[in-house]
C-alpha atoms as a PDB file:
ATOM      1  CA  UNK A   1      34.777   5.532 -14.486  1.00  0.00           C
ATOM      2  CA  UNK A   2      33.558   4.638 -11.370  1.00  0.00           C
ATOM      3  CA  UNK A   3      34.675   2.371  -7.562  1.00  0.00           C
ATOM      4  CA  UNK A   4      37.532   0.212  -8.791  1.00  0.00           C
ATOM      5  CA  UNK A   5      36.546  -3.953  -8.460  1.00  0.00           C
ATOM      6  CA  UNK A   6      35.352  -4.574 -11.640  1.00  0.00           C
ATOM      7  CA  UNK A   7      32.357  -6.246 -10.341  1.00  0.00           C
ATOM      8  CA  UNK A   8      29.436  -7.539 -12.746  1.00  0.00           C
ATOM      9  CA  UNK A   9      25.437  -8.063 -11.987  1.00  0.00           C
ATOM     10  CA  UNK A  10      24.819 -12.083 -12.829  1.00  0.00           C
ATOM     11  CA  UNK A  11      21.504 -13.144 -12.849  1.00  0.00           C
ATOM     12  CA  UNK A  12      19.993 -15.807 -10.233  1.00  0.00           C
ATOM     13  CA  UNK A  13      17.099 -17.461 -10.544  1.00  0.00           C
ATOM     14  CA  UNK A  14      13.006 -16.043 -10.245  1.00  0.00           C
ATOM     15  CA  UNK A  15      14.551 -12.470 -11.751  1.00  0.00           C
ATOM     16  CA  UNK A  16      16.893 -11.665  -9.720  1.00  0.00           C
ATOM     17  CA  UNK A  17      19.979  -9.469  -9.457  1.00  0.00           C
ATOM     18  CA  UNK A  18      23.709 -10.318  -7.512  1.00  0.00           C
ATOM     19  CA  UNK A  19      25.008  -6.853  -7.523  1.00  0.00           C
ATOM     20  CA  UNK A  20      28.631  -6.022  -7.314  1.00  0.00           C
ATOM     21  CA  UNK A  21      28.869  -5.374  -3.850  1.00  0.00           C
ATOM     22  CA  UNK A  22      27.111  -9.419  -3.569  1.00  0.00           C
ATOM     23  CA  UNK A  23      23.246  -8.174  -2.432  1.00  0.00           C
ATOM     24  CA  UNK A  24      20.481 -10.809  -4.437  1.00  0.00           C
ATOM     25  CA  UNK A  25      17.976  -8.575  -5.626  1.00  0.00           C
ATOM     26  CA  UNK A  26      14.433  -8.702  -6.803  1.00  0.00           C
ATOM     27  CA  UNK A  27      13.172  -5.803  -8.842  1.00  0.00           C
ATOM     28  CA  UNK A  28      10.490  -5.518  -6.073  1.00  0.00           C
ATOM     29  CA  UNK A  29      13.866  -4.928  -4.188  1.00  0.00           C
ATOM     30  CA  UNK A  30      15.728  -2.840  -6.332  1.00  0.00           C
ATOM     31  CA  UNK A  31      12.551  -0.263  -6.415  1.00  0.00           C
ATOM     32  CA  UNK A  32      12.258  -0.297  -2.204  1.00  0.00           C
ATOM     33  CA  UNK A  33      16.446   0.432  -2.070  1.00  0.00           C
ATOM     34  CA  UNK A  34      15.828   3.165  -5.011  1.00  0.00           C
ATOM     35  CA  UNK A  35      12.271   4.655  -2.606  1.00  0.00           C
ATOM     36  CA  UNK A  36      14.473   4.017  -0.246  1.00  0.00           C
ATOM     37  CA  UNK A  37      17.670   6.045  -1.590  1.00  0.00           C
ATOM     38  CA  UNK A  38      15.257   8.957  -2.949  1.00  0.00           C
ATOM     39  CA  UNK A  39      12.317   9.510  -1.902  1.00  0.00           C
ATOM     40  CA  UNK A  40      11.178  11.948  -3.984  1.00  0.00           C
ATOM     41  CA  UNK A  41      11.369   9.511  -6.708  1.00  0.00           C
ATOM     42  CA  UNK A  42       8.376   8.540  -8.116  1.00  0.00           C
ATOM     43  CA  UNK A  43       9.412   5.908 -10.970  1.00  0.00           C
ATOM     44  CA  UNK A  44      10.573   3.838  -8.023  1.00  0.00           C
ATOM     45  CA  UNK A  45       6.584   4.147  -6.916  1.00  0.00           C
ATOM     46  CA  UNK A  46       4.929   3.985 -10.140  1.00  0.00           C
ATOM     47  CA  UNK A  47       7.361   0.553 -11.052  1.00  0.00           C
ATOM     48  CA  UNK A  48       5.958  -0.789  -7.496  1.00  0.00           C
ATOM     49  CA  UNK A  49       2.645   0.549  -8.394  1.00  0.00           C
ATOM     50  CA  UNK A  50       3.036  -1.762 -11.559  1.00  0.00           C
ATOM     51  CA  UNK A  51       4.387  -4.622 -10.552  1.00  0.00           C
ATOM     52  CA  UNK A  52       1.617  -4.926  -7.303  1.00  0.00           C
ATOM     53  CA  UNK A  53      -0.734  -4.714 -10.464  1.00  0.00           C
ATOM     54  CA  UNK A  54       0.716  -7.783 -12.638  1.00  0.00           C
ATOM     55  CA  UNK A  55       0.668  -9.870  -9.274  1.00  0.00           C
ATOM     56  CA  UNK A  56      -3.297  -8.830  -8.860  1.00  0.00           C
ATOM     57  CA  UNK A  57      -3.680  -9.532 -12.645  1.00  0.00           C
ATOM     58  CA  UNK A  58      -2.058 -12.803 -12.148  1.00  0.00           C
ATOM     59  CA  UNK A  59      -3.858 -14.029  -8.819  1.00  0.00           C
ATOM     60  CA  UNK A  60      -7.484 -13.101 -10.709  1.00  0.00           C
ATOM     61  CA  UNK A  61      -6.619 -14.975 -13.364  1.00  0.00           C
ATOM     62  CA  UNK A  62      -6.015 -18.071 -10.941  1.00  0.00           C
ATOM     63  CA  UNK A  63      -8.544 -17.525  -8.752  1.00  0.00           C
ATOM     64  CA  UNK A  64     -12.566 -17.808  -8.564  1.00  0.00           C
ATOM     65  CA  UNK A  65     -12.350 -15.020  -5.720  1.00  0.00           C
ATOM     66  CA  UNK A  66     -11.219 -11.384  -6.268  1.00  0.00           C
ATOM     67  CA  UNK A  67      -7.476 -11.102  -5.239  1.00  0.00           C
ATOM     68  CA  UNK A  68      -6.639  -9.146  -2.031  1.00  0.00           C
ATOM     69  CA  UNK A  69      -4.633  -6.038  -2.449  1.00  0.00           C
ATOM     70  CA  UNK A  70      -1.539  -6.557  -2.112  1.00  0.00           C
ATOM     71  CA  UNK A  71       0.193  -4.260   0.293  1.00  0.00           C
ATOM     72  CA  UNK A  72       4.146  -3.198   0.160  1.00  0.00           C
ATOM     73  CA  UNK A  73       5.556  -1.809   3.453  1.00  0.00           C
ATOM     74  CA  UNK A  74       8.162   0.772   2.622  1.00  0.00           C
ATOM     75  CA  UNK A  75      11.279   1.700   4.267  1.00  0.00           C
ATOM     76  CA  UNK A  76       9.735   4.607   6.583  1.00  0.00           C
ATOM     77  CA  UNK A  77       7.241   2.323   7.455  1.00  0.00           C
ATOM     78  CA  UNK A  78       4.229   2.849   5.781  1.00  0.00           C
ATOM     79  CA  UNK A  79       2.109   0.390   3.974  1.00  0.00           C
ATOM     80  CA  UNK A  80       0.769   1.152   0.492  1.00  0.00           C
ATOM     81  CA  UNK A  81      -2.020  -0.519  -1.813  1.00  0.00           C
ATOM     82  CA  UNK A  82      -0.661  -0.471  -5.825  1.00  0.00           C
ATOM     83  CA  UNK A  83      -3.566   2.329  -5.449  1.00  0.00           C
ATOM     84  CA  UNK A  84      -1.493   3.965  -3.080  1.00  0.00           C
ATOM     85  CA  UNK A  85       1.824   4.160  -4.654  1.00  0.00           C
ATOM     86  CA  UNK A  86       0.360   5.536  -7.448  1.00  0.00           C
ATOM     87  CA  UNK A  87      -0.961   8.560  -6.133  1.00  0.00           C
ATOM     88  CA  UNK A  88       2.901   9.003  -5.003  1.00  0.00           C
ATOM     89  CA  UNK A  89       4.142   8.487  -7.975  1.00  0.00           C
ATOM     90  CA  UNK A  90       1.765  11.772  -8.947  1.00  0.00           C
ATOM     91  CA  UNK A  91       2.220  13.964  -6.419  1.00  0.00           C
ATOM     92  CA  UNK A  92       6.261  12.968  -6.315  1.00  0.00           C
ATOM     93  CA  UNK A  93       5.911  13.299 -11.113  1.00  0.00           C
ATOM     94  CA  UNK A  94       2.819  15.627 -11.570  1.00  0.00           C
ATOM     95  CA  UNK A  95       4.028  15.852 -15.258  1.00  0.00           C
ATOM     96  CA  UNK A  96       5.198  12.277 -15.968  1.00  0.00           C
ATOM     97  CA  UNK A  97       2.197  10.885 -17.645  1.00  0.00           C
ATOM     98  CA  UNK A  98       3.209   7.219 -17.133  1.00  0.00           C
ATOM     99  CA  UNK A  99       1.670   8.042 -13.408  1.00  0.00           C
ATOM    100  CA  UNK A 100      -1.434   8.802 -14.699  1.00  0.00           C
ATOM    101  CA  UNK A 101      -1.673   5.896 -16.374  1.00  0.00           C
ATOM    102  CA  UNK A 102      -0.701   3.480 -13.485  1.00  0.00           C
ATOM    103  CA  UNK A 103      -3.810   5.044 -11.841  1.00  0.00           C
ATOM    104  CA  UNK A 104      -5.466   3.769 -14.460  1.00  0.00           C
ATOM    105  CA  UNK A 105      -5.218   0.153 -14.686  1.00  0.00           C
END
């Protein structure tokens, strides 16, 4: 095994997890961290795009006006929309069909 300490991951309200090192992260935080650690991780960008798609869908169901395009700011300062995140996922992993599916949503 790795790192000792026997720490466990515990769940917190609102879909957040407490990691063994004490950090509390949401799913979005974890995908952003994965993209920071490995900027070539296409699946991190794909999952971020899917999270934004779900958020935009929820907003569109509760409002009469179309939702504004949500933007995520990455660790490198880029502000990307759902479509831009999906394009980045396809650019990084062009053979991964799920990235293309994400673009079609």
